[in-house]
Amino acid sequence: MERQKDLDVVAVGHSLIDLRFTVNKFAAPDEEAEILEQSTGPGGSAVNVALIVSKLGGRSGIITKVGLDHFGRQIVEELLRHKVDISGLRVGFGSTGFSVLMIDREGNLILYGFKGCAERLEPDEIDEKVVGRAKFIHIASLRPDTSIRAAVRAKELDALVSWDPGRRLSMAGLKALRGLVKFTDIVELNSRECANLTGIRDPVACAAEIQKVGPTTVIVKMGPRGLYALSDDFTGYMPAFRVDVVRDSTGSGDAFAAALLLRLSRGDRLKDALIYAQAVAALKVTMLGANEIPPLEEIEKFLAERRK
């Protein structure tokens, strides 16, 4: 019996609350800086990807863990408001994780993180029914043992696996993470993470080294310099879209992943999906909030103007 794939993307990873402060400058030790703006909202890679897929018109689910507290309720309420399937969400006895983000006038970021329950998602808490309903599973910044369980079950249940190691996990190196990487189909990471993972700074050589382990597609994101993709469907550099103002770069990689996987789940070729993902990521940095993106009409207008 063929499984019903009614979810475009299921995000597996962290659910956090972002405590965000826009400051006039970063304070030196024993110095005070002025807070210009403050906001609080759900964040973490899994939440960001699930919410953005939904905002782009897709069907998303999440496998994650929160605490039985106000922050946890805030995350659940936001996911439900955007019709994200939360049947894979687990509640723990600890505190919901949170991040303190300091953003200066130029959009530069300093981040302090407390993972809390987010990092306590155990391998046996991966909901196989939710995994089986997904076209794509996206795993980001999550401990290796739980990530491997999610990736292995995804492969057994005919879901494609996308993986973004994040800053900290990439430092473990490719040799230590080989048992996870071999179960992935798509690896997305930035140039610093690529160098951390392989010890290779050149994006072409770095992508080739990662591809040897198993993924068919490797995407190295280089910020304003664009990206390099290595795949049977498309290989080469792609420039980034320019924007006039950078307000908040938090979550830009998650916006990229959400847009990319949604388009691939709908049948786009890789090159077309990459163009769309680059546009969504570029527009995300113009907005304050890790999972805030413009309305679909503005995204389409942005793309249309740049195709002329």
Protein backbone atom coordinates (compact mmCIF):
# COMPACT_ATOMS: atom_id res chain seq x y z
CA MET A 1 0.00 0.00 0.00
CA GLU A 2 1.44 3.36 -1.04
CA ARG A 3 1.98 5.82 1.80
CA GLN A 4 0.09 9.10 1.73
CA LYS A 5 2.64 11.91 1.40
CA ASP A 6 0.46 14.78 2.58
CA LEU A 7 3.28 16.87 4.11
CA ASP A 8 5.74 18.65 1.82
CA VAL A 9 8.38 19.15 4.53
CA VAL A 10 8.77 17.89 8.09
CA ALA A 11 11.37 19.82 10.09
CA VAL A 12 13.29 17.94 12.78
CA GLY A 13 15.28 19.92 15.33
CA HIS A 14 15.16 22.78 17.78
CA SER A 15 12.20 24.82 18.99
CA LEU A 16 13.30 27.92 20.88
CA ILE A 17 12.10 31.36 21.85
CA ASP A 18 14.11 34.24 20.39
CA LEU A 19 14.61 37.25 22.67
CA ARG A 20 15.72 39.80 20.12
CA PHE A 21 17.28 43.20 20.83
CA THR A 22 18.26 45.77 18.20
CA VAL A 23 21.05 47.92 19.66
CA ASN A 24 22.84 51.09 18.60
CA LYS A 25 26.16 49.22 18.92
CA PHE A 26 27.70 46.17 20.55
CA ALA A 27 28.87 47.11 24.04
CA ALA A 28 32.47 46.50 25.09
CA PRO A 29 33.13 45.02 28.57
CA ASP A 30 31.87 47.41 31.29
CA GLU A 31 30.18 49.54 28.63
CA GLU A 32 26.46 50.19 28.10
CA ALA A 33 24.71 50.19 24.71
CA GLU A 34 21.23 51.46 23.96
CA ILE A 35 18.43 49.03 23.05
CA LEU A 36 16.52 50.53 20.12
CA GLU A 37 13.92 47.79 19.64
CA GLN A 38 12.92 44.57 21.41
CA SER A 39 10.81 41.62 20.28
CA THR A 40 10.08 38.07 21.39
CA GLY A 41 8.94 35.20 19.22
CA PRO A 42 9.34 31.51 18.33
CA GLY A 43 12.58 30.48 16.66
CA GLY A 44 14.99 27.59 16.32
CA SER A 45 15.74 25.87 13.02
CA ALA A 46 12.84 23.41 13.06
CA VAL A 47 10.28 26.07 13.96
CA ASN A 48 11.65 28.49 11.37
CA VAL A 49 11.56 25.95 8.54
CA ALA A 50 8.10 24.63 9.43
CA LEU A 51 6.60 28.12 9.71
CA ILE A 52 8.18 29.43 6.51
CA VAL A 53 7.06 26.40 4.48
CA SER A 54 3.53 27.08 5.68
CA LYS A 55 3.77 30.82 4.95
CA LEU A 56 4.92 29.98 1.42
CA GLY A 57 1.78 27.94 0.87
CA GLY A 58 3.15 24.49 1.68
CA ARG A 59 2.12 21.78 4.11
CA SER A 60 4.58 21.30 6.95
CA GLY A 61 5.05 19.28 10.09
CA ILE A 62 7.53 19.40 12.95
CA ILE A 63 9.32 16.90 15.19
CA THR A 64 10.74 18.73 18.18
CA LYS A 65 10.62 19.10 21.96
CA VAL A 66 9.50 21.95 24.20
CA GLY A 67 9.05 22.38 27.94
CA LEU A 68 5.78 22.58 29.85
CA ASP A 69 6.05 26.35 30.33
CA HIS A 70 5.02 29.71 28.88
CA PHE A 71 7.70 29.63 26.16
CA GLY A 72 6.59 26.14 25.11
CA ARG A 73 2.96 27.24 24.88
CA GLN A 74 3.97 30.29 22.85
CA ILE A 75 5.75 28.05 20.31
CA VAL A 76 2.82 25.61 20.05
CA GLU A 77 0.30 28.44 19.60
CA GLU A 78 2.33 29.97 16.76
CA LEU A 79 2.72 26.61 15.01
CA LEU A 80 -1.01 25.94 15.26
CA ARG A 81 -1.83 29.46 14.04
CA HIS A 82 0.03 28.68 10.82
CA LYS A 83 -1.48 25.18 10.52
CA VAL A 84 1.79 23.30 11.09
CA ASP A 85 1.19 19.62 11.96
CA ILE A 86 2.41 19.22 15.56
CA SER A 87 1.64 15.53 16.07
CA GLY A 88 5.41 14.91 16.24
CA LEU A 89 5.98 17.55 18.94
CA ARG A 90 7.00 16.24 22.36
CA VAL A 91 6.78 17.97 25.76
CA GLY A 92 9.54 17.50 28.34
CA PHE A 93 9.86 18.31 32.04
CA GLY A 94 12.71 20.79 31.54
CA SER A 95 12.59 24.38 30.32
CA THR A 96 11.96 25.38 26.72
CA GLY A 97 15.16 26.62 25.12
CA PHE A 98 15.73 30.24 24.20
CA SER A 99 18.21 32.47 22.39
CA VAL A 100 19.27 36.03 23.20
CA LEU A 101 20.08 37.87 19.98
CA MET A 102 21.81 41.25 19.79
CA ILE A 103 21.57 42.92 16.37
CA ASP A 104 23.33 46.19 15.53
CA ARG A 105 22.30 48.84 13.00
CA GLU A 106 24.13 47.01 10.18
CA GLY A 107 22.41 43.70 10.87
CA ASN A 108 25.45 42.08 12.52
CA LEU A 109 24.54 39.49 15.14
CA ILE A 110 25.75 38.29 18.53
CA LEU A 111 23.93 35.18 19.78
CA TYR A 112 23.68 33.54 23.21
CA GLY A 113 21.82 30.23 23.34
CA PHE A 114 20.23 27.96 25.95
CA LYS A 115 19.01 24.77 24.24
CA GLY A 116 16.89 23.44 27.11
CA CYS A 117 14.43 20.73 26.06
CA ALA A 118 15.25 21.24 22.38
CA GLU A 119 18.45 19.19 22.63
CA ARG A 120 16.74 16.48 24.72
CA LEU A 121 14.71 15.07 21.83
CA GLU A 122 15.60 11.38 22.11
CA PRO A 123 15.97 8.97 19.14
CA ASP A 124 12.94 6.95 20.27
CA GLU A 125 10.82 10.13 20.25
CA ILE A 126 11.02 10.45 16.46
CA ASP A 127 7.42 9.99 15.31
CA GLU A 128 7.53 7.48 12.46
CA LYS A 129 3.96 8.20 11.37
CA VAL A 130 4.87 11.84 10.76
CA VAL A 131 8.11 10.87 8.99
CA GLY A 132 6.16 8.52 6.72
CA ARG A 133 3.84 11.33 5.62
CA ALA A 134 6.70 13.60 4.49
CA LYS A 135 8.14 14.13 1.03
CA PHE A 136 11.20 15.78 2.62
CA ILE A 137 12.64 15.55 6.13
CA HIS A 138 14.84 18.53 7.03
CA ILE A 139 17.21 17.97 9.96
CA ALA A 140 19.07 20.98 11.34
CA SER A 141 21.49 21.58 14.22
CA LEU A 142 20.31 18.50 16.14
CA ARG A 143 22.41 16.02 18.13
CA PRO A 144 23.78 13.19 15.95
CA ASP A 145 22.06 10.17 17.52
CA THR A 146 18.57 11.63 17.12
CA SER A 147 19.46 12.96 13.67
CA ILE A 148 20.62 9.52 12.53
CA ARG A 149 17.39 7.90 13.77
CA ALA A 150 15.32 10.48 11.86
CA ALA A 151 17.40 10.07 8.68
CA VAL A 152 17.37 6.26 8.74
CA ARG A 153 13.61 6.08 9.26
CA ALA A 154 13.07 8.69 6.55
CA LYS A 155 15.00 6.57 4.04
CA GLU A 156 13.04 3.46 5.06
CA LEU A 157 9.77 5.36 4.64
CA ASP A 158 10.63 6.85 1.22
CA ALA A 159 11.25 10.43 2.32
CA LEU A 160 14.19 12.46 1.03
CA VAL A 161 16.57 13.76 3.70
CA SER A 162 17.94 17.30 3.84
CA TRP A 163 20.55 18.19 6.46
CA ASP A 164 22.02 21.46 7.72
CA PRO A 165 24.68 20.85 10.40
CA GLY A 166 24.69 24.35 11.88
CA ARG A 167 27.66 26.09 13.46
CA ARG A 168 28.39 23.86 16.44
CA LEU A 169 27.80 20.43 14.92
CA SER A 170 29.92 21.17 11.84
CA MET A 171 32.95 21.52 14.14
CA ALA A 172 32.75 17.78 14.92
CA GLY A 173 34.12 17.12 11.42
CA LEU A 174 33.06 14.89 8.54
CA LYS A 175 34.75 11.77 9.91
CA ALA A 176 32.76 11.93 13.16
CA LEU A 177 29.50 12.67 11.32
CA ARG A 178 29.93 10.17 8.47
CA GLY A 179 27.30 7.86 9.98
CA LEU A 180 24.73 10.63 9.58
CA VAL A 181 25.87 12.20 6.31
CA LYS A 182 25.67 8.88 4.42
CA PHE A 183 21.88 8.82 4.96
CA THR A 184 21.30 12.32 3.52
CA ASP A 185 20.17 13.30 0.03
CA ILE A 186 20.81 17.05 0.27
CA VAL A 187 23.39 18.80 2.46
CA GLU A 188 23.03 22.57 2.89
CA LEU A 189 25.66 24.52 4.79
CA ASN A 190 27.46 27.85 4.70
CA SER A 191 31.08 28.30 3.71
CA ARG A 192 32.34 28.44 7.31
CA GLU A 193 30.49 25.24 8.21
CA CYS A 194 31.84 23.62 5.06
CA ALA A 195 35.40 24.45 6.13
CA ASN A 196 34.71 23.23 9.68
CA LEU A 197 33.28 19.95 8.40
CA THR A 198 35.99 19.09 5.86
CA GLY A 199 38.97 21.33 6.59
CA ILE A 200 38.67 22.60 2.98
CA ARG A 201 37.96 26.27 2.27
CA ASP A 202 37.36 26.02 -1.49
CA PRO A 203 33.59 25.44 -1.97
CA VAL A 204 34.04 23.24 -5.06
CA ALA A 205 36.49 20.88 -3.38
CA CYS A 206 34.56 20.99 -0.12
CA ALA A 207 31.27 20.02 -1.79
CA ALA A 208 32.98 17.18 -3.67
CA GLU A 209 34.44 15.83 -0.42
CA ILE A 210 31.02 15.80 1.25
CA GLN A 211 29.34 14.22 -1.78
CA LYS A 212 31.75 11.26 -1.59
CA VAL A 213 30.08 10.22 1.67
CA GLY A 214 26.59 9.88 0.20
CA PRO A 215 24.43 12.94 -0.55
CA THR A 216 23.55 13.47 -4.20
CA THR A 217 23.32 17.25 -3.76
CA VAL A 218 25.58 19.58 -1.77
CA ILE A 219 24.88 23.30 -1.52
CA VAL A 220 27.47 25.70 -0.10
CA LYS A 221 25.94 29.07 0.80
CA MET A 222 28.29 32.05 0.63
CA GLY A 223 26.09 34.92 1.81
CA PRO A 224 26.24 37.98 -0.46
CA ARG A 225 28.54 36.05 -2.82
CA GLY A 226 25.78 33.58 -3.66
CA LEU A 227 26.18 29.81 -3.56
CA TYR A 228 27.84 26.81 -5.14
CA ALA A 229 25.76 23.70 -5.88
CA LEU A 230 27.01 20.23 -6.79
CA SER A 231 24.39 17.83 -8.17
CA ASP A 232 23.55 15.69 -11.18
CA ASP A 233 20.73 18.13 -11.96
CA PHE A 234 22.76 21.35 -11.66
CA THR A 235 26.36 22.16 -10.82
CA GLY A 236 27.82 25.64 -10.61
CA TYR A 237 27.87 29.01 -8.90
CA MET A 238 24.76 31.15 -8.54
CA PRO A 239 24.87 34.84 -7.54
CA ALA A 240 22.89 36.18 -4.61
CA PHE A 241 20.05 38.66 -4.94
CA ARG A 242 20.90 42.15 -3.64
CA VAL A 243 18.69 43.97 -1.13
CA ASP A 244 18.93 47.57 0.03
CA VAL A 245 18.61 46.99 3.79
CA VAL A 246 19.74 44.14 6.05
CA ARG A 247 17.72 44.24 9.29
CA ASP A 248 18.14 40.72 10.66
CA SER A 249 20.04 37.80 9.14
CA THR A 250 18.77 35.33 11.76
CA GLY A 251 16.98 32.45 10.08
CA SER A 252 18.07 33.28 6.53
CA GLY A 253 19.49 29.76 6.11
CA ASP A 254 16.23 28.29 7.39
CA ALA A 255 14.26 30.45 4.94
CA PHE A 256 16.50 29.17 2.15
CA ALA A 257 15.94 25.54 3.18
CA ALA A 258 12.18 25.95 3.51
CA ALA A 259 11.81 27.56 0.08
CA LEU A 260 14.18 25.11 -1.61
CA LEU A 261 12.53 21.98 -0.26
CA LEU A 262 9.02 23.22 -0.86
CA ARG A 263 9.80 23.91 -4.52
CA LEU A 264 11.56 20.57 -4.95
CA SER A 265 8.60 18.79 -3.33
CA ARG A 266 6.36 20.43 -5.94
CA GLY A 267 8.50 19.15 -8.82
CA ASP A 268 10.83 22.09 -9.62
CA ARG A 269 14.24 21.42 -11.14
CA LEU A 270 17.10 22.16 -8.73
CA LYS A 271 18.25 25.34 -10.51
CA ASP A 272 14.76 26.88 -10.42
CA ALA A 273 14.30 25.89 -6.78
CA LEU A 274 17.66 27.46 -5.90
CA ILE A 275 16.70 30.76 -7.55
CA TYR A 276 13.45 30.85 -5.58
CA ALA A 277 15.23 29.93 -2.33
CA GLN A 278 17.83 32.66 -2.87
CA ALA A 279 15.05 35.22 -3.32
CA VAL A 280 13.19 34.16 -0.17
CA ALA A 281 16.41 34.20 1.88
CA ALA A 282 17.33 37.65 0.55
CA LEU A 283 13.93 39.09 1.42
CA LYS A 284 13.97 37.44 4.85
CA VAL A 285 17.00 39.52 5.95
CA THR A 286 15.07 42.73 5.28
CA MET A 287 12.61 41.81 8.06
CA LEU A 288 13.02 41.57 11.83
CA GLY A 289 12.31 38.04 13.08
CA ALA A 290 13.81 34.62 12.37
CA ASN A 291 10.79 33.33 10.44
CA GLU A 292 9.32 36.53 9.03
CA ILE A 293 8.99 36.74 5.24
CA PRO A 294 7.02 39.06 2.95
CA PRO A 295 3.68 38.02 1.43
CA LEU A 296 3.84 35.66 -1.56
CA GLU A 297 2.88 38.47 -3.96
CA GLU A 298 5.95 40.49 -2.92
CA ILE A 299 8.23 37.48 -3.42
CA GLU A 300 6.85 36.89 -6.91
CA LYS A 301 7.16 40.61 -7.73
CA PHE A 302 10.78 40.63 -6.48
CA LEU A 303 11.61 37.68 -8.75
CA ALA A 304 9.75 39.07 -11.76
CA GLU A 305 11.58 42.41 -11.55
CA ARG A 306 14.95 40.66 -11.51
CA ARG A 307 14.13 38.42 -14.47
CA LYS A 308 13.67 41.43 -16.77
